Amino acid sequence: MNAIERIKKHNSIDKVEFDSISKLMFQSFQNDKEFKNENQLTKKEELLTSFTQFLEKYLELDLLNSKKEKLEIINFIDKMNMQKELLELQKGDNSISNIQIAADRLGKKSQSTFEIKNK
């Protein structure tokens, strides 16, 4: 076995490792605790933004086989965006008008998703 093959074998990602990391990521996306520190809120918001961007890039690659799979990713992105908006509210960065704009936008997304699912 040459050096490149050894490196590939040593650095291959197996399902158990990926599942373990996925569980850790899932826990980090939960909004089950209140953060008092604004820095923590900002970092969590950045994490959500980065993961959302990753999923959007994944959609752009067009690797998914069905509209159902694409819709699952899109719906998940919408949930991630809602989590970010909840964090923004928790940070207190939004004024009443920004909250109304966010609510209107979310209402339109929900209505659009409902229309897509009923087609």
Protein backbone atom coordinates (compact mmCIF):
# COMPACT_ATOMS: atom_id res chain seq x y z
CA MET A 1 0.00 0.00 0.00
CA ASN A 2 1.46 3.33 -1.00
CA ALA A 3 1.36 6.53 1.02
CA ILE A 4 -1.66 8.03 -0.77
CA GLU A 5 -3.75 4.89 -0.21
CA ARG A 6 -2.80 4.85 3.50
CA ILE A 7 -3.78 8.50 3.87
CA LYS A 8 -7.09 7.92 2.08
CA LYS A 9 -7.85 4.91 4.28
CA HIS A 10 -6.87 6.72 7.48
CA ASN A 11 -8.92 9.81 6.64
CA SER A 12 -12.03 8.17 5.19
CA ILE A 13 -15.28 9.15 6.88
CA ASP A 14 -17.43 6.22 7.90
CA LYS A 15 -21.13 6.17 8.74
CA VAL A 16 -20.58 5.85 12.51
CA GLU A 17 -18.42 8.99 12.59
CA PHE A 18 -20.88 10.90 10.43
CA ASP A 19 -23.84 9.82 12.59
CA SER A 20 -21.98 10.92 15.72
CA ILE A 21 -21.26 14.36 14.29
CA SER A 22 -24.85 14.63 13.06
CA LYS A 23 -26.14 14.01 16.58
CA LEU A 24 -23.85 16.70 17.98
CA MET A 25 -25.00 19.15 15.32
CA PHE A 26 -28.65 18.32 16.01
CA GLN A 27 -28.16 19.16 19.67
CA SER A 28 -26.54 22.47 18.77
CA PHE A 29 -29.52 23.48 16.60
CA GLN A 30 -32.03 23.00 19.40
CA ASN A 31 -33.43 26.16 20.92
CA ASP A 32 -34.23 24.50 24.22
CA LYS A 33 -32.19 26.76 26.45
CA GLU A 34 -32.02 30.47 26.90
CA PHE A 35 -28.64 32.06 26.34
CA LYS A 36 -27.91 35.02 28.57
CA ASN A 37 -24.66 35.91 26.85
CA GLU A 38 -25.06 37.90 23.61
CA ASN A 39 -21.82 36.38 22.30
CA GLN A 40 -23.33 32.89 22.58
CA LEU A 41 -26.44 34.04 20.73
CA THR A 42 -24.31 35.54 17.97
CA LYS A 43 -22.20 32.39 17.61
CA LYS A 44 -25.30 30.20 17.46
CA GLU A 45 -26.81 32.50 14.85
CA GLU A 46 -23.59 32.24 12.81
CA LEU A 47 -23.74 28.45 13.09
CA LEU A 48 -27.31 28.42 11.78
CA THR A 49 -26.37 30.78 8.95
CA SER A 50 -23.40 28.64 7.93
CA PHE A 51 -25.42 25.44 7.93
CA THR A 52 -28.23 27.10 5.96
CA GLN A 53 -25.70 28.27 3.37
CA PHE A 54 -24.31 24.73 3.19
CA LEU A 55 -27.79 23.33 2.48
CA GLU A 56 -28.44 26.00 -0.14
CA LYS A 57 -25.18 25.07 -1.90
CA TYR A 58 -26.20 21.40 -1.70
CA LEU A 59 -29.48 22.26 -3.46
CA GLU A 60 -27.55 24.15 -6.14
CA LEU A 61 -25.52 21.03 -6.93
CA ASP A 62 -28.78 19.33 -7.93
CA LEU A 63 -27.76 15.98 -6.41
CA LEU A 64 -31.22 15.18 -5.08
CA ASN A 65 -33.33 12.68 -6.95
CA SER A 66 -36.86 13.88 -6.32
CA LYS A 67 -38.95 16.97 -5.68
CA LYS A 68 -39.84 15.46 -2.31
CA GLU A 69 -36.17 15.43 -1.24
CA LYS A 70 -35.72 19.01 -2.44
CA LEU A 71 -38.83 20.07 -0.56
CA GLU A 72 -37.50 18.42 2.61
CA ILE A 73 -34.29 20.45 2.35
CA ILE A 74 -36.21 23.66 1.60
CA ASN A 75 -38.53 23.11 4.56
CA PHE A 76 -35.53 22.44 6.80
CA ILE A 77 -33.88 25.66 5.61
CA ASP A 78 -37.09 27.50 6.48
CA LYS A 79 -36.98 26.02 9.99
CA MET A 80 -33.34 27.05 10.36
CA ASN A 81 -34.25 30.59 9.29
CA MET A 82 -37.03 30.63 11.88
CA GLN A 83 -34.51 29.53 14.52
CA LYS A 84 -32.28 32.46 13.51
CA GLU A 85 -35.19 34.87 13.79
CA LEU A 86 -36.02 33.51 17.24
CA LEU A 87 -32.41 34.09 18.27
CA GLU A 88 -32.61 37.64 16.95
CA LEU A 89 -35.71 38.20 19.04
CA GLN A 90 -33.93 36.76 22.03
CA LYS A 91 -31.05 39.17 21.44
CA GLY A 92 -33.52 42.03 21.35
CA ASP A 93 -32.08 43.34 18.10
CA ASN A 94 -35.43 43.62 16.36
CA SER A 95 -37.73 46.56 16.61
CA ILE A 96 -41.50 46.12 16.42
CA SER A 97 -41.47 46.94 12.70
CA ASN A 98 -38.77 44.32 12.01
CA ILE A 99 -40.82 41.76 13.93
CA GLN A 100 -43.87 42.59 11.79
CA ILE A 101 -41.82 42.27 8.59
CA ALA A 102 -40.49 38.89 9.76
CA ALA A 103 -44.00 37.71 10.64
CA ASP A 104 -45.32 38.75 7.22
CA ARG A 105 -42.44 36.97 5.49
CA LEU A 106 -42.99 33.79 7.51
CA GLY A 107 -46.71 33.90 6.76
CA LYS A 108 -45.98 34.07 3.04
CA LYS A 109 -43.51 31.17 3.31
CA SER A 110 -46.04 29.06 5.16
CA GLN A 111 -48.72 29.83 2.62
CA SER A 112 -46.34 29.05 -0.26
CA THR A 113 -45.31 25.73 1.33
CA PHE A 114 -48.94 24.82 1.89
CA GLU A 115 -49.74 25.54 -1.77
CA ILE A 116 -46.77 23.42 -2.97
CA LYS A 117 -47.74 20.47 -0.77
CA ASN A 118 -51.35 20.53 -1.99
CA LYS A 119 -50.42 20.44 -5.69
